[in-house]
Each structure stands twice: as structure tokens, then as C-alpha cells.
Amino acid sequence: MKKIGKQIEYSRPKKDELKVEISPILPKTKMNILILWATAWTFCGTVVLVSLFTYGFNRDELIMVIIFLLFWMYFEFKIVHAIRWNKSGKEIVELKNGEFTYYKMINGRGIPIKSSVSKMRPFRYAEDTEKGFWSEINKSPWMVGGEVIEYAVEEKIKRLGMKIPRKEAQQLILLLNKAFGFHA
């Protein structure tokens, strides 16, 4: 396996084949903070959930607590997903027999997205990933996302390459376009 930066490994078993693995990198201190935040969030939600059954809420209070718990469950799912992704997730890009396959895998499981290379357009850097509020949100450790490489299958725009630096993304784009026979 060859490397591009710290997150990307690739191999070329044959001339017309390519396998790329992109792993998330989160410093240990940020992972510990993420786990601490998740623990506190879980504790707070559990306290509210228990109070739902032990405290006599009136109708308006009950509605407010239920709405809070719905938001709490949504963010609980997001934080658990972020921890799982940062511990054991990776993106896999494969080119084999004229077919492109992309996986987002956690613990070795993921759903493949397959496309014929003939229906694809060249890979390119998604410029809009560097600007604005959502750019900063996507860079945070508790978010799974922040893809910076764009490609098109027929008329649909898709992305890959979560939170990889621009320099490494551009090297990966060159590798992908060359392997796929695209002239960007």
C-alpha cells in the first residue's frame, strides 16, 4: 500500500484496477472530548427520560419534555455515529473491470454505491467546502461529513473524501482521474 498524507492509502493490483482507503484521523484529545461530551449528553437525556416517568408533568410540560427528548434522541444518534466513525470508519474507493464502487464502512460493514466508469465525469475539488458556516460545522469532530472531492454520475453530483486536506485531496484527484482515464 502506498500513502498520500496520513489518511489515504492506495494500491494498484493491476494497471486497470485501483483501491483507495480514506481513514478519519482524530487526535486522541479530541476523541476524549467527544466521548466526554457524549457521556454528558447521554446522562442529561437519561435524567429527563427518567423524570418523564417519575415527575407529575402537566400537559404543556409533558409536550415540552417530549419535544426535548425527540431533539435529544436525534443528537444522541449523531454523536454515537460520530464516535463509531472516528474509531472504526473508513471510505473505500475501488475501480475494477470498468466499475466504480464507493463504500462508507464502519466496523467492516457498508453499503456499496456502484457506477459504470463510462457514465462518470472527472473528479474535482469541491471549492465550496472551504467557505462559510457549514464548512466550519463539517470540520468539527462530532460531524461525519465534510467531503471535499466531487464527481458526477450521469447528472447527479456526489462527493467523497471526508475532511482530507486540500493538498492531499488534489493528489488523490490526480490519482483517481489518471486511474479512471479521465482528462480533467
Protein backbone atom coordinates (compact mmCIF):
# COMPACT_ATOMS: atom_id res chain seq x y z
CA MET A 1 0.00 0.00 0.00
CA LYS A 2 1.21 3.47 -0.90
CA LYS A 3 0.21 6.57 1.04
CA ILE A 4 -0.94 10.09 0.33
CA GLY A 5 -0.61 12.03 3.56
CA LYS A 6 -1.78 10.49 6.83
CA GLN A 7 -5.31 9.47 5.86
CA ILE A 8 -5.10 7.94 2.39
CA GLU A 9 -3.69 4.56 1.36
CA TYR A 10 -3.96 3.06 -2.10
CA SER A 11 -2.87 0.08 -4.13
CA ARG A 12 -2.89 -0.79 -7.83
CA PRO A 13 -3.06 -4.59 -8.08
CA LYS A 14 -3.31 -4.32 -11.89
CA LYS A 15 -2.96 -1.44 -14.33
CA ASP A 16 -6.73 -1.01 -14.72
CA GLU A 17 -7.52 -1.50 -11.00
CA LEU A 18 -7.29 0.80 -8.00
CA LYS A 19 -8.25 0.55 -4.35
CA VAL A 20 -8.18 3.62 -2.09
CA GLU A 21 -8.85 3.69 1.65
CA ILE A 22 -9.51 7.01 3.39
CA SER A 23 -9.45 6.81 7.18
CA PRO A 24 -10.59 9.51 9.59
CA ILE A 25 -7.90 10.98 11.79
CA LEU A 26 -8.95 12.49 15.08
CA PRO A 27 -6.34 13.38 17.70
CA LYS A 28 -6.68 11.46 20.98
CA THR A 29 -7.52 14.64 22.93
CA LYS A 30 -10.40 15.49 20.57
CA MET A 31 -11.67 11.90 20.72
CA ASN A 32 -11.60 12.03 24.53
CA ILE A 33 -13.51 15.33 24.48
CA LEU A 34 -16.02 13.82 22.06
CA ILE A 35 -16.55 10.82 24.35
CA LEU A 36 -16.84 13.10 27.40
CA TRP A 37 -19.41 15.26 25.62
CA ALA A 38 -21.36 12.16 24.56
CA THR A 39 -21.34 10.83 28.11
CA ALA A 40 -22.65 14.14 29.49
CA TRP A 41 -25.30 14.33 26.75
CA THR A 42 -26.42 10.76 27.45
CA PHE A 43 -26.59 11.46 31.19
CA CYS A 44 -28.69 14.62 30.70
CA GLY A 45 -31.12 12.87 28.38
CA THR A 46 -31.41 9.90 30.72
CA VAL A 47 -32.26 12.20 33.65
CA VAL A 48 -35.01 13.88 31.61
CA LEU A 49 -36.29 10.50 30.40
CA VAL A 50 -36.45 9.13 33.95
CA SER A 51 -38.24 12.30 35.12
CA LEU A 52 -40.85 11.66 32.44
CA PHE A 53 -41.99 8.62 34.46
CA THR A 54 -41.32 9.88 38.00
CA TYR A 55 -42.45 13.51 37.94
CA GLY A 56 -46.05 14.63 37.52
CA PHE A 57 -45.92 16.89 34.45
CA ASN A 58 -48.97 18.86 33.38
CA ARG A 59 -49.98 18.63 29.70
CA ASP A 60 -47.91 21.63 28.48
CA GLU A 61 -44.80 20.47 30.38
CA LEU A 62 -45.23 16.95 29.03
CA ILE A 63 -45.35 18.25 25.45
CA MET A 64 -42.20 20.33 26.06
CA VAL A 65 -40.35 17.33 27.58
CA ILE A 66 -41.35 15.06 24.70
CA ILE A 67 -40.16 17.63 22.14
CA PHE A 68 -36.87 17.97 24.05
CA LEU A 69 -36.45 14.18 24.08
CA LEU A 70 -37.01 14.00 20.32
CA PHE A 71 -34.19 16.51 19.77
CA TRP A 72 -32.08 14.71 22.35
CA MET A 73 -32.52 11.35 20.58
CA TYR A 74 -31.55 12.87 17.23
CA PHE A 75 -28.31 14.34 18.61
CA GLU A 76 -27.63 11.19 20.64
CA PHE A 77 -27.71 9.21 17.39
CA LYS A 78 -25.41 11.77 15.69
CA ILE A 79 -22.79 11.69 18.47
CA VAL A 80 -22.76 7.88 18.71
CA HIS A 81 -22.38 7.71 14.93
CA ALA A 82 -19.50 10.22 15.04
CA ILE A 83 -17.68 8.22 17.72
CA ARG A 84 -18.13 4.98 15.80
CA TRP A 85 -16.99 6.64 12.55
CA ASN A 86 -13.87 8.16 14.11
CA LYS A 87 -12.92 4.89 15.83
CA SER A 88 -13.55 2.34 13.08
CA GLY A 89 -14.85 4.04 9.94
CA LYS A 90 -13.27 4.45 6.52
CA GLU A 91 -14.16 5.30 2.96
CA ILE A 92 -13.21 2.83 0.25
CA VAL A 93 -13.00 3.67 -3.44
CA GLU A 94 -12.46 0.84 -5.92
CA LEU A 95 -12.00 0.67 -9.65
CA LYS A 96 -12.26 -2.79 -11.13
CA ASN A 97 -13.45 -4.07 -14.52
CA GLY A 98 -14.73 -0.64 -15.59
CA GLU A 99 -16.86 -0.31 -12.47
CA PHE A 100 -16.52 2.30 -9.73
CA THR A 101 -17.52 1.27 -6.20
CA TYR A 102 -17.66 3.55 -3.17
CA TYR A 103 -18.24 2.45 0.42
CA LYS A 104 -18.59 4.27 3.74
CA MET A 105 -17.71 1.48 6.13
CA ILE A 106 -17.94 1.19 9.90
CA ASN A 107 -16.55 -1.97 11.52
CA GLY A 108 -16.11 -3.52 8.07
CA ARG A 109 -19.74 -3.04 7.05
CA GLY A 110 -21.09 -0.63 4.50
CA ILE A 111 -23.40 -0.38 1.52
CA PRO A 112 -21.62 -0.22 -1.85
CA ILE A 113 -22.54 2.50 -4.31
CA LYS A 114 -21.67 1.25 -7.78
CA SER A 115 -21.44 3.09 -11.08
CA SER A 116 -20.11 2.38 -14.52
CA VAL A 117 -17.00 4.44 -15.22
CA SER A 118 -18.40 5.24 -18.67
CA LYS A 119 -21.25 7.20 -17.02
CA MET A 120 -18.91 9.27 -14.84
CA ARG A 121 -17.20 12.61 -15.28
CA PRO A 122 -13.78 13.56 -13.86
CA PHE A 123 -13.16 14.05 -10.16
CA ARG A 124 -12.53 17.61 -8.96
CA TYR A 125 -12.03 19.57 -5.78
CA ALA A 126 -15.29 20.96 -4.37
CA GLU A 127 -14.36 24.62 -3.87
CA ASP A 128 -17.39 25.42 -1.73
CA THR A 129 -16.11 23.17 1.07
CA GLU A 130 -13.74 25.89 2.27
CA LYS A 131 -16.21 28.72 2.85
CA GLY A 132 -18.93 29.62 5.26
CA PHE A 133 -20.58 28.41 8.41
CA TRP A 134 -21.32 24.86 7.18
CA SER A 135 -17.67 24.41 6.31
CA GLU A 136 -16.73 25.01 9.93
CA ILE A 137 -19.52 22.76 11.20
CA ASN A 138 -18.45 19.92 8.88
CA LYS A 139 -14.87 20.15 10.18
CA SER A 140 -15.96 19.56 13.78
CA PRO A 141 -15.25 16.14 15.32
CA TRP A 142 -18.90 15.44 16.15
CA MET A 143 -19.94 15.66 12.48
CA VAL A 144 -19.50 12.86 9.97
CA GLY A 145 -19.14 14.59 6.63
CA GLY A 146 -17.09 17.32 5.04
CA GLU A 147 -16.45 15.54 1.73
CA VAL A 148 -14.12 17.58 -0.49
CA ILE A 149 -13.91 15.59 -3.74
CA GLU A 150 -16.75 15.89 -6.20
CA TYR A 151 -17.67 13.58 -9.08
CA ALA A 152 -20.67 13.19 -11.33
CA VAL A 153 -22.53 10.05 -12.32
CA GLU A 154 -24.74 10.97 -15.24
CA GLU A 155 -26.29 14.22 -13.93
CA LYS A 156 -26.01 13.54 -10.19
CA ILE A 157 -23.21 15.21 -8.24
CA LYS A 158 -21.72 13.09 -5.45
CA ARG A 159 -18.87 13.58 -3.00
CA LEU A 160 -16.21 11.59 -1.17
CA GLY A 161 -13.06 12.23 0.83
CA MET A 162 -14.22 13.31 4.28
CA LYS A 163 -12.14 16.01 5.97
CA ILE A 164 -8.99 15.49 3.95
CA PRO A 165 -6.66 18.48 3.49
CA ARG A 166 -6.73 20.26 0.14
CA LYS A 167 -3.19 19.24 -0.86
CA GLU A 168 -3.91 15.54 -0.23
CA ALA A 169 -7.31 15.82 -1.93
CA GLN A 170 -5.68 17.25 -5.06
CA GLN A 171 -3.13 14.42 -5.12
CA LEU A 172 -5.95 11.90 -4.77
CA ILE A 173 -7.92 13.61 -7.55
CA LEU A 174 -4.91 13.29 -9.89
CA LEU A 175 -4.58 9.60 -8.98
CA LEU A 176 -8.29 8.90 -9.48
CA ASN A 177 -8.55 10.79 -12.78
CA LYS A 178 -5.46 9.02 -14.12
CA ALA A 179 -6.68 5.57 -13.00
CA PHE A 180 -10.16 6.18 -14.45
CA GLY A 181 -8.76 7.53 -17.73
CA PHE A 182 -10.25 10.99 -17.23
CA HIS A 183 -8.58 14.11 -18.53
CA ALA A 184 -9.59 16.84 -16.10
